[in-house]
Amino acid sequence: MSGSADFVPVVKFGDVVRRRPGMYIGDEGASALQHLIDEIVSNAVDQYLRGNASRVDVRIGADGAIEVRDDGAGLALDQPGPGGSDSLATYHLLHPHWTPQAEPAAPHVHLHRLPGIGLAIVNQLSAEFLCRSWRDGACWEQRFVRGEPVAPPRVVARGDERGTLFRFRPIAECLGVALPDAGLLRATLWKTAHLFPGLRIGLDTEVFHAPGGMADYLRTLEDPTAPAQRRWQDRPAFHWRGRYGAYQLDAAAIGFADESAPCIWRAWVNGRSTPLLGSHVDGFRQALASQSWQPAAALIHLTTYDPPFAGPCRDRYVSDEARAVIRTALAAPLEAFFQLHPDIGNRPRPASLAATDGGDVDVDDLYVDVVRLSLEKTGAARFCLHLETAAGHVTEIDFWTSRKGRLQVSVAADERASAAMGLVLRKADGEFERLETGACRCHVERMTRGLCWLGLDVGDLPTVHVDLASRGYVKARRRS
């Protein structure tokens, strides 16, 4: 056989996709077809986040055709595209792209667990694909067969309507199935309505709408067969939704965990589930720990720009900045929640405090050796002190300057630490610097009547004394 380049076959993009669909949509079956639907619904959610849409509807035809319609701003079928394409929208329906193509006015959403594939992959895996979109008083339409345009875009109607309609019939031999899994599709759309509160999502004759977001989702997690003492539906739920810098948060928690029923965690980033949790959960946990609260269930959905993940599977979100932002953003709402509900329930007290309420203890038995201590600058006027004990307990202390010139300090501990605190201190003279020593100690000096005096020794610096009350509230001062 000749080695000439004349004998190298040229394979079209669509043929590559149809021969190896698993490279783009994972395993064959219901999940693969769901991936195609998720991709189109994600584009509609993008429109919602930009304020251009309020509704998306999904319908499944008897012939296997899938229809997704939104009331968004429409596709650019009326604008010229690069490389001689019929239109800008046509170009994106024919060529793959791995980054968002919409204007960066809002974060980009991916509902499926696998990376986004773009509309071009959906088109190439469809026996028939129709796009109909309203723009500036005209309804444009373009049809495709196995990824190839039948004709250029054309105007089929005029009026004042808006939105985009996609209708496609998947190639069953490529996906392994001809119809979507009804249960999986319904569960995905129901969840999406809760992740993006206010968006209405229709499925045939059903409509999902969850204006309460994570608060509405939270009420569905309790096991109805659980013993009465472990039921928490009648308890008030914490819920906060808002923007903090570049981060949009929706967080909720309820009840109290115990050894027989640990906390149920659910977490998402930009609509994608993060089963291995991550920094957004860590920030929420630390904010909860500041109130000595381990809830029975906690949920958080973070929406932001270009979220970083740990590895290609994107199962875990990793961002030190987001963790600190979430912890700070939720601190005040949680404090207000407990002030409003002082008798929310049997909030667990730190074991060391509960055991000694009403009397003094020998403080030598309560010393905790700090094996690693680091202090780093995390912002223009923000610092973080990280302590790790020999037992593996971690405490992080955030410092930042208040308007009155005092140094605000928020102390959060992980689930295994003995307590979590919030306090106010004055900044010591001199600059902060990075420290690492095994000679430092974090110790309890005295405990009486449910009050803990905690001493924090950092090298040669004066000891910081913290009065930690049994309910988790803190008063702090530096003693000479």
Protein backbone atom coordinates (compact mmCIF):
# COMPACT_ATOMS: atom_id res chain seq x y z
CA MET A 1 0.00 0.00 0.00
CA SER A 2 1.32 3.41 -0.92
CA GLY A 3 2.17 5.81 1.86
CA SER A 4 0.96 8.78 -0.15
CA ALA A 5 -1.32 11.28 1.57
CA ASP A 6 -3.70 10.80 -1.36
CA PHE A 7 -4.86 7.58 0.26
CA VAL A 8 -5.68 9.12 3.68
CA PRO A 9 -9.49 9.16 3.98
CA VAL A 10 -11.16 12.35 5.16
CA VAL A 11 -13.90 11.59 7.70
CA LYS A 12 -16.58 14.20 8.25
CA PHE A 13 -17.28 15.46 11.74
CA GLY A 14 -20.79 14.00 11.75
CA ASP A 15 -19.52 10.56 10.78
CA VAL A 16 -17.02 10.65 13.65
CA VAL A 17 -19.78 11.50 16.14
CA ARG A 18 -22.12 8.78 14.89
CA ARG A 19 -19.40 6.11 14.77
CA ARG A 20 -18.11 6.90 18.29
CA PRO A 21 -20.97 8.59 20.16
CA GLY A 22 -19.57 7.42 23.49
CA MET A 23 -16.71 9.91 23.10
CA TYR A 24 -19.26 12.71 23.45
CA ILE A 25 -22.24 11.41 25.42
CA GLY A 26 -20.85 8.51 27.44
CA ASP A 27 -22.42 5.06 27.54
CA GLU A 28 -25.34 4.18 25.31
CA GLY A 29 -28.81 4.03 26.79
CA ALA A 30 -31.21 6.27 28.65
CA SER A 31 -28.41 8.42 30.11
CA ALA A 32 -27.05 9.19 26.63
CA LEU A 33 -30.42 10.35 25.36
CA GLN A 34 -30.97 12.32 28.57
CA HIS A 35 -27.64 14.04 27.89
CA LEU A 36 -29.00 15.39 24.58
CA ILE A 37 -32.14 16.71 26.27
CA ASP A 38 -30.10 18.22 29.12
CA GLU A 39 -27.94 20.09 26.63
CA ILE A 40 -30.91 21.88 25.06
CA VAL A 41 -32.64 22.53 28.40
CA SER A 42 -29.35 23.96 29.72
CA ASN A 43 -29.39 26.54 26.94
CA ALA A 44 -32.90 27.55 28.01
CA VAL A 45 -31.75 27.89 31.63
CA ASP A 46 -28.91 30.14 30.41
CA GLN A 47 -31.59 32.36 28.89
CA TYR A 48 -33.41 32.39 32.23
CA LEU A 49 -30.27 33.41 34.15
CA ARG A 50 -29.76 36.31 31.73
CA GLY A 51 -33.33 37.44 32.36
CA ASN A 52 -34.50 36.58 28.84
CA ALA A 53 -36.75 33.59 29.59
CA SER A 54 -39.20 32.43 32.23
CA ARG A 55 -40.30 29.04 30.97
CA VAL A 56 -39.13 25.89 29.17
CA ASP A 57 -41.37 23.06 28.02
CA VAL A 58 -40.41 19.49 27.05
CA ARG A 59 -42.73 17.18 25.11
CA ILE A 60 -42.22 13.62 23.89
CA GLY A 61 -44.07 12.64 20.71
CA ALA A 62 -45.49 9.21 19.96
CA ASP A 63 -43.03 8.89 17.07
CA GLY A 64 -40.07 9.44 19.39
CA ALA A 65 -39.58 13.11 18.49
CA ILE A 66 -38.45 15.29 21.39
CA GLU A 67 -39.55 18.91 21.55
CA VAL A 68 -37.97 21.59 23.76
CA ARG A 69 -39.42 25.10 23.68
CA ASP A 70 -38.50 28.26 25.62
CA ASP A 71 -39.64 31.88 25.63
CA GLY A 72 -36.14 33.32 25.40
CA ALA A 73 -34.50 35.86 23.10
CA GLY A 74 -34.13 33.47 20.13
CA LEU A 75 -31.19 32.22 18.08
CA ALA A 76 -29.26 34.27 15.54
CA LEU A 77 -30.68 32.63 12.42
CA ASP A 78 -30.92 36.13 10.95
CA GLN A 79 -27.22 36.99 11.33
CA PRO A 80 -24.41 35.95 8.93
CA GLY A 81 -22.03 33.27 10.18
CA PRO A 82 -18.29 32.70 9.70
CA GLY A 83 -16.82 30.56 6.94
CA GLY A 84 -19.74 30.95 4.57
CA SER A 85 -22.29 29.47 6.98
CA ASP A 86 -25.95 30.21 6.33
CA SER A 87 -26.20 32.06 9.68
CA LEU A 88 -24.43 32.44 13.00
CA ALA A 89 -26.85 29.97 14.59
CA THR A 90 -26.31 27.51 11.72
CA TYR A 91 -22.57 27.64 12.33
CA HIS A 92 -23.01 26.65 15.97
CA LEU A 93 -25.45 23.90 15.00
CA LEU A 94 -22.84 22.39 12.67
CA HIS A 95 -19.53 22.95 14.46
CA PRO A 96 -18.62 21.73 17.95
CA HIS A 97 -17.50 24.19 20.59
CA TRP A 98 -16.39 23.47 24.12
CA THR A 99 -16.91 26.91 25.62
CA PRO A 100 -20.13 28.92 26.09
CA GLN A 101 -21.11 30.90 23.00
CA ALA A 102 -23.62 33.19 24.65
CA GLU A 103 -22.73 36.64 25.91
CA PRO A 104 -21.02 36.51 29.35
CA ALA A 105 -23.89 38.25 31.15
CA ALA A 106 -24.56 35.24 33.38
CA PRO A 107 -22.89 31.93 34.34
CA HIS A 108 -23.21 28.99 31.97
CA VAL A 109 -25.26 25.99 33.12
CA HIS A 110 -24.61 22.26 32.64
CA LEU A 111 -27.37 20.01 33.94
CA HIS A 112 -25.76 16.70 32.97
CA ARG A 113 -23.01 15.05 34.99
CA LEU A 114 -20.76 14.85 31.88
CA PRO A 115 -19.16 17.92 30.25
CA GLY A 116 -21.29 20.00 27.91
CA ILE A 117 -21.34 18.91 24.27
CA GLY A 118 -22.98 21.79 22.43
CA LEU A 119 -25.97 21.76 20.10
CA ALA A 120 -23.87 20.47 17.18
CA ILE A 121 -23.54 17.03 18.80
CA VAL A 122 -27.30 16.86 19.37
CA ASN A 123 -27.81 17.74 15.71
CA GLN A 124 -25.37 15.08 14.46
CA LEU A 125 -27.03 12.36 16.54
CA SER A 126 -30.51 13.20 15.26
CA ALA A 127 -32.17 11.66 12.22
CA GLU A 128 -34.17 14.90 11.92
CA PHE A 129 -33.50 18.21 13.64
CA LEU A 130 -35.65 21.34 13.43
CA CYS A 131 -34.81 24.76 14.84
CA ARG A 132 -37.49 27.48 14.83
CA SER A 133 -36.74 30.79 16.52
CA TRP A 134 -38.33 34.22 16.83
CA ARG A 135 -36.14 37.29 16.26
CA ASP A 136 -37.29 40.89 15.82
CA GLY A 137 -40.83 40.05 14.75
CA ALA A 138 -39.90 37.18 12.43
CA CYS A 139 -39.98 33.42 12.99
CA TRP A 140 -36.95 31.78 11.37
CA GLU A 141 -36.75 28.07 10.65
CA GLN A 142 -34.04 25.65 9.53
CA ARG A 143 -34.16 21.87 9.12
CA PHE A 144 -31.36 19.29 9.25
CA VAL A 145 -31.15 15.60 8.36
CA ARG A 146 -28.41 13.60 10.07
CA GLY A 147 -26.60 16.82 10.85
CA GLU A 148 -26.74 18.34 7.37
CA PRO A 149 -28.89 21.42 6.58
CA VAL A 150 -31.71 20.76 4.13
CA ALA A 151 -31.93 24.44 3.15
CA PRO A 152 -30.81 27.86 4.43
CA PRO A 153 -32.82 29.52 7.23
CA ARG A 154 -36.09 31.04 6.09
CA VAL A 155 -38.85 33.18 7.58
CA VAL A 156 -42.03 31.15 8.10
CA ALA A 157 -44.14 33.63 10.10
CA ARG A 158 -44.25 37.17 11.41
CA GLY A 159 -45.64 38.53 14.66
CA ASP A 160 -44.71 39.58 18.19
CA GLU A 161 -43.99 36.13 19.65
CA ARG A 162 -40.65 35.11 21.17
CA GLY A 163 -38.67 32.01 22.02
CA THR A 164 -37.04 29.01 20.36
CA LEU A 165 -38.33 25.56 19.47
CA PHE A 166 -36.07 22.53 18.98
CA ARG A 167 -37.61 19.32 17.68
CA PHE A 168 -35.34 16.33 17.08
CA ARG A 169 -35.67 12.59 16.61
CA PRO A 170 -32.58 10.77 17.93
CA ILE A 171 -30.84 8.07 15.91
CA ALA A 172 -31.71 4.97 17.94
CA GLU A 173 -28.80 2.85 16.63
CA CYS A 174 -26.33 5.47 17.91
CA LEU A 175 -27.89 5.89 21.34
CA GLY A 176 -29.17 2.39 22.01
CA VAL A 177 -32.67 3.68 22.82
CA ALA A 178 -35.41 5.41 20.86
CA LEU A 179 -37.34 7.02 23.72
CA PRO A 180 -36.13 8.74 26.91
CA ASP A 181 -36.57 7.16 30.33
CA ALA A 182 -39.74 8.85 31.60
CA GLY A 183 -38.73 8.62 35.27
CA LEU A 184 -35.22 9.97 34.68
CA LEU A 185 -36.51 12.82 32.53
CA ARG A 186 -39.14 13.82 35.07
CA ALA A 187 -36.69 13.69 37.98
CA THR A 188 -34.16 15.82 36.08
CA LEU A 189 -36.68 18.52 35.17
CA TRP A 190 -38.16 18.54 38.70
CA LYS A 191 -34.69 19.01 40.17
CA THR A 192 -33.85 21.76 37.66
CA ALA A 193 -36.96 23.72 38.69
CA HIS A 194 -35.71 23.63 42.31
CA LEU A 195 -32.16 24.58 41.38
CA PHE A 196 -33.37 27.65 39.51
CA PRO A 197 -36.29 29.00 41.56
CA GLY A 198 -38.78 30.99 39.55
CA LEU A 199 -38.23 29.10 36.30
CA ARG A 200 -41.29 27.16 35.14
CA ILE A 201 -40.55 23.81 33.51
CA GLY A 202 -43.22 21.85 31.72
CA LEU A 203 -43.21 18.16 30.88
CA ASP A 204 -46.14 17.23 28.67
CA THR A 205 -49.11 18.24 30.89
CA GLU A 206 -47.09 18.70 34.12
CA VAL A 207 -45.49 21.94 35.28
CA PHE A 208 -42.67 22.19 37.85
CA HIS A 209 -42.25 25.48 39.69
CA ALA A 210 -40.33 25.88 42.96
CA PRO A 211 -40.08 29.55 43.99
CA GLY A 212 -38.61 28.44 47.32
CA GLY A 213 -35.61 26.80 45.66
CA MET A 214 -33.54 24.77 48.12
CA ALA A 215 -36.10 25.35 50.88
CA ASP A 216 -38.71 23.54 48.80
CA TYR A 217 -36.25 20.79 47.90
CA LEU A 218 -35.30 20.34 51.56
CA ARG A 219 -38.77 19.26 52.60
CA THR A 220 -38.66 16.28 50.22
CA LEU A 221 -35.59 14.64 51.78
CA GLU A 222 -37.00 13.31 55.04
CA ASP A 223 -37.60 9.60 55.28
CA PRO A 224 -41.30 9.17 56.15
CA THR A 225 -40.53 5.79 57.75
CA ALA A 226 -38.02 7.26 60.24
CA PRO A 227 -38.86 7.12 63.98
CA ALA A 228 -40.78 10.09 65.31
CA GLN A 229 -37.82 11.37 67.34
CA ARG A 230 -35.78 11.64 64.15
CA ARG A 231 -38.46 13.49 62.18
CA TRP A 232 -37.70 17.12 61.43
CA GLN A 233 -40.43 18.31 59.08
CA ASP A 234 -42.10 20.27 61.87
CA ARG A 235 -38.92 22.21 62.69
CA PRO A 236 -38.15 25.63 61.18
CA ALA A 237 -35.72 25.50 58.26
CA PHE A 238 -32.85 27.85 57.57
CA HIS A 239 -32.83 29.22 54.03
CA TRP A 240 -30.82 31.97 52.40
CA ARG A 241 -30.61 32.88 48.75
CA GLY A 242 -28.65 35.83 47.45
CA ARG A 243 -25.59 37.14 45.67
CA TYR A 244 -22.22 37.72 47.31
CA GLY A 245 -19.72 39.18 44.87
CA ALA A 246 -19.49 36.91 41.83
CA TYR A 247 -21.31 34.07 43.62
CA GLN A 248 -25.03 33.34 43.67
CA LEU A 249 -25.96 31.12 46.63
CA ASP A 250 -29.03 29.13 47.55
CA ALA A 251 -28.52 27.28 50.85
CA ALA A 252 -30.88 25.51 53.22
CA ALA A 253 -30.64 23.32 56.35
CA ILE A 254 -33.00 21.73 58.84
CA GLY A 255 -33.08 19.47 61.91
CA PHE A 256 -30.19 17.91 63.81
CA ALA A 257 -27.94 15.03 62.91
CA ASP A 258 -26.94 12.27 65.30
CA GLU A 259 -24.83 9.14 65.23
CA SER A 260 -27.70 7.03 63.92
CA ALA A 261 -28.69 9.54 61.26
CA PRO A 262 -25.80 11.67 59.92
CA CYS A 263 -26.39 14.82 57.93
CA ILE A 264 -27.77 14.41 54.40
CA TRP A 265 -25.75 16.63 52.06
CA ARG A 266 -26.73 17.60 48.52
CA ALA A 267 -24.67 20.09 46.52
CA TRP A 268 -24.60 21.54 43.01
CA VAL A 269 -22.49 24.00 41.02
CA ASN A 270 -24.09 25.72 38.01
CA GLY A 271 -26.81 23.08 37.93
CA ARG A 272 -24.38 20.13 37.96
CA SER A 273 -24.45 17.75 40.91
CA THR A 274 -21.20 17.43 42.88
CA PRO A 275 -21.54 14.02 44.60
CA LEU A 276 -18.06 14.36 46.15
CA LEU A 277 -19.10 17.77 47.52
CA GLY A 278 -16.24 20.29 47.68
CA SER A 279 -15.37 23.84 48.71
CA HIS A 280 -18.94 25.14 48.58
CA VAL A 281 -19.97 22.48 51.11
CA ASP A 282 -16.88 23.18 53.23
CA GLY A 283 -17.82 26.87 53.44
CA PHE A 284 -21.39 26.02 54.41
CA ARG A 285 -20.19 23.49 57.01
CA GLN A 286 -17.91 26.07 58.60
CA ALA A 287 -20.72 28.61 58.76
CA LEU A 288 -22.94 25.98 60.40
CA ALA A 289 -20.15 25.09 62.81
CA SER A 290 -19.99 28.72 63.94
CA GLN A 291 -23.44 28.06 65.43
CA SER A 292 -22.52 24.58 66.69
CA TRP A 293 -25.12 23.16 64.32
CA GLN A 294 -24.94 19.83 62.53
CA PRO A 295 -28.27 19.67 60.68
CA ALA A 296 -30.14 16.57 59.63
CA ALA A 297 -30.10 17.78 56.02
CA ALA A 298 -28.29 20.58 54.22
CA LEU A 299 -28.34 21.66 50.58
CA ILE A 300 -26.39 24.27 48.66
CA HIS A 301 -26.41 25.37 45.03
CA LEU A 302 -23.62 27.69 43.90
CA THR A 303 -23.80 29.56 40.59
CA THR A 304 -20.69 31.34 39.37
CA TYR A 305 -18.44 31.94 36.36
CA ASP A 306 -16.02 29.24 35.13
CA PRO A 307 -16.15 27.04 38.25
CA PRO A 308 -13.00 24.92 38.83
CA PHE A 309 -13.38 21.20 39.54
CA ALA A 310 -11.01 18.52 40.83
CA GLY A 311 -10.49 16.36 37.74
CA PRO A 312 -12.32 15.71 34.48
CA CYS A 313 -15.29 13.98 36.14
CA ARG A 314 -16.21 17.28 37.85
CA ASP A 315 -17.56 15.50 40.90
CA ARG A 316 -15.90 17.85 43.38
CA TYR A 317 -15.76 21.64 43.35
CA VAL A 318 -12.44 23.18 44.41
CA SER A 319 -12.05 26.88 45.23
CA ASP A 320 -10.50 28.34 48.36
CA GLU A 321 -11.97 31.73 47.47
CA ALA A 322 -15.50 30.34 47.19
CA ARG A 323 -15.16 28.48 50.49
CA ALA A 324 -14.22 31.69 52.33
CA VAL A 325 -16.92 33.72 50.55
CA ILE A 326 -19.66 31.21 51.36
CA ARG A 327 -18.60 30.97 55.00
CA THR A 328 -18.71 34.77 55.29
CA ALA A 329 -21.93 35.20 53.33
CA LEU A 330 -23.87 32.69 55.46
CA ALA A 331 -22.52 33.72 58.87
CA ALA A 332 -24.88 36.65 59.45
CA PRO A 333 -28.02 34.93 58.08
CA LEU A 334 -27.37 31.92 60.32
CA GLU A 335 -26.87 34.17 63.35
CA ALA A 336 -30.13 35.93 62.56
CA PHE A 337 -31.88 32.59 62.11
CA PHE A 338 -30.89 31.41 65.60
CA GLN A 339 -31.86 34.73 67.14
CA LEU A 340 -35.28 34.34 65.56
CA HIS A 341 -35.55 30.69 66.63
CA PRO A 342 -33.76 30.45 70.02
CA ASP A 343 -35.72 27.32 70.87
CA ILE A 344 -35.29 25.65 67.52
CA GLY A 345 -34.57 22.35 69.22
CA ASN A 346 -31.97 20.42 71.14
CA ARG A 347 -29.01 22.05 69.48
CA PRO A 348 -26.04 19.91 70.48
CA ARG A 349 -23.61 21.50 72.85
CA PRO A 350 -19.88 20.80 72.56
CA ALA A 351 -19.19 17.62 74.49
CA SER A 352 -16.46 19.19 76.58
CA LEU A 353 -18.87 21.91 77.74
CA ALA A 354 -21.87 19.69 78.36
CA ALA A 355 -19.82 17.37 80.52
CA THR A 356 -18.60 20.14 82.80
CA ASP A 357 -21.57 22.47 83.06
CA GLY A 358 -21.88 23.70 86.65
CA GLY A 359 -18.35 23.06 87.90
CA ASP A 360 -14.65 23.50 87.32
CA VAL A 361 -12.42 20.93 85.66
CA ASP A 362 -8.75 20.11 85.61
CA VAL A 363 -7.54 22.02 82.57
CA ASP A 364 -4.48 19.78 82.15
CA ASP A 365 -6.79 17.09 80.80
CA LEU A 366 -8.11 19.43 78.11
CA TYR A 367 -4.90 20.50 76.40
CA VAL A 368 -4.84 20.04 72.62
CA ASP A 369 -1.48 19.99 70.85
CA VAL A 370 -1.38 21.97 67.61
CA VAL A 371 0.96 20.18 65.22
CA ARG A 372 0.62 22.62 62.33
CA LEU A 373 -0.11 26.33 62.35
CA SER A 374 -0.11 28.59 59.31
CA LEU A 375 -1.15 32.19 58.82
CA GLU A 376 -1.65 33.49 55.30
CA LYS A 377 -2.91 36.61 53.58
CA THR A 378 -6.09 35.81 51.65
CA GLY A 379 -7.09 39.29 50.50
CA ALA A 380 -6.25 42.99 50.62
CA ALA A 381 -7.22 43.18 54.29
CA ARG A 382 -8.04 39.58 55.08
CA PHE A 383 -6.02 36.80 56.69
CA CYS A 384 -6.62 33.18 57.60
CA LEU A 385 -5.11 31.27 60.54
CA HIS A 386 -5.16 27.49 60.04
CA LEU A 387 -4.65 25.16 63.02
CA GLU A 388 -4.39 21.40 62.81
CA THR A 389 -4.19 19.22 65.91
CA ALA A 390 -2.47 15.89 66.39
CA ALA A 391 -5.90 14.22 66.28
CA GLY A 392 -6.55 15.68 62.83
CA HIS A 393 -8.99 18.38 63.96
CA VAL A 394 -8.88 21.52 61.85
CA THR A 395 -9.83 25.04 62.85
CA GLU A 396 -9.65 28.06 60.56
CA ILE A 397 -9.76 31.64 61.79
CA ASP A 398 -10.52 34.44 59.32
CA PHE A 399 -9.38 37.99 60.15
CA TRP A 400 -10.62 41.13 58.42
CA THR A 401 -10.76 44.83 59.28
CA SER A 402 -14.05 46.43 60.33
CA ARG A 403 -15.16 49.98 59.54
CA LYS A 404 -14.25 51.04 63.09
CA GLY A 405 -10.68 49.81 62.68
CA ARG A 406 -11.13 46.68 64.75
CA LEU A 407 -10.10 43.31 63.49
CA GLN A 408 -13.11 41.03 62.98
CA VAL A 409 -12.41 37.36 63.52
CA SER A 410 -14.53 34.39 62.52
CA VAL A 411 -13.48 31.01 63.83
CA ALA A 412 -14.83 27.80 62.29
CA ALA A 413 -13.99 24.20 63.10
CA ASP A 414 -14.63 21.01 61.20
CA GLU A 415 -17.13 18.39 62.37
CA ARG A 416 -14.56 16.68 64.61
CA ALA A 417 -13.40 19.79 66.43
CA SER A 418 -14.69 20.46 69.91
CA ALA A 419 -16.24 23.89 69.25
CA ALA A 420 -16.67 26.73 66.75
CA MET A 421 -16.51 30.40 67.64
CA GLY A 422 -17.15 33.94 66.38
CA LEU A 423 -15.27 36.77 68.13
CA VAL A 424 -13.83 40.30 67.90
CA LEU A 425 -10.17 41.08 68.66
CA ARG A 426 -7.79 43.97 68.17
CA LYS A 427 -5.00 43.52 65.65
CA ALA A 428 -1.56 42.99 67.23
CA ASP A 429 1.24 45.34 66.28
CA GLY A 430 3.31 44.43 63.25
CA GLU A 431 2.57 42.59 60.06
CA PHE A 432 1.05 39.12 59.84
CA GLU A 433 3.46 36.49 58.65
CA ARG A 434 3.33 32.81 57.79
CA LEU A 435 3.93 30.59 60.83
CA GLU A 436 4.51 26.87 61.16
CA THR A 437 5.47 25.40 64.51
CA GLY A 438 4.83 22.44 66.73
CA ALA A 439 5.38 24.46 69.90
CA CYS A 440 2.03 26.23 69.89
CA ARG A 441 -0.87 25.15 72.03
CA CYS A 442 -4.59 25.70 71.96
CA HIS A 443 -5.84 24.94 75.47
CA VAL A 444 -8.77 25.35 77.83
CA GLU A 445 -7.78 27.33 80.92
CA ARG A 446 -10.95 27.06 82.98
CA MET A 447 -14.50 25.79 82.64
CA THR A 448 -17.33 26.66 84.98
CA ARG A 449 -21.09 26.97 84.71
CA GLY A 450 -21.05 26.17 81.05
CA LEU A 451 -18.41 28.81 80.26
CA CYS A 452 -15.13 27.90 78.59
CA TRP A 453 -12.03 30.09 78.73
CA LEU A 454 -9.93 29.10 75.74
CA GLY A 455 -6.28 30.13 75.46
CA LEU A 456 -4.58 30.33 72.06
CA ASP A 457 -0.78 30.52 72.28
CA VAL A 458 0.97 31.45 69.03
CA GLY A 459 4.72 31.42 69.51
CA ASP A 460 5.83 34.41 71.61
CA LEU A 461 2.66 36.42 70.97
CA PRO A 462 0.37 37.18 73.94
CA THR A 463 -2.24 34.56 74.66
CA VAL A 464 -5.67 35.19 73.19
CA HIS A 465 -8.40 34.39 75.71
CA VAL A 466 -11.84 33.43 74.45
CA ASP A 467 -14.92 33.01 76.65
CA LEU A 468 -17.01 30.34 74.92
CA ALA A 469 -20.53 29.96 76.30
CA SER A 470 -22.24 26.60 76.30
CA ARG A 471 -24.70 27.63 73.56
CA GLY A 472 -21.88 28.51 71.21
CA TYR A 473 -21.94 32.31 71.60
CA VAL A 474 -18.59 33.94 72.25
CA LYS A 475 -17.10 36.87 74.09
CA ALA A 476 -13.40 37.51 73.61
CA ARG A 477 -10.69 39.77 74.99
CA ARG A 478 -6.94 39.83 75.30
CA ARG A 479 -5.74 39.65 78.88
CA SER A 480 -2.43 41.03 80.03
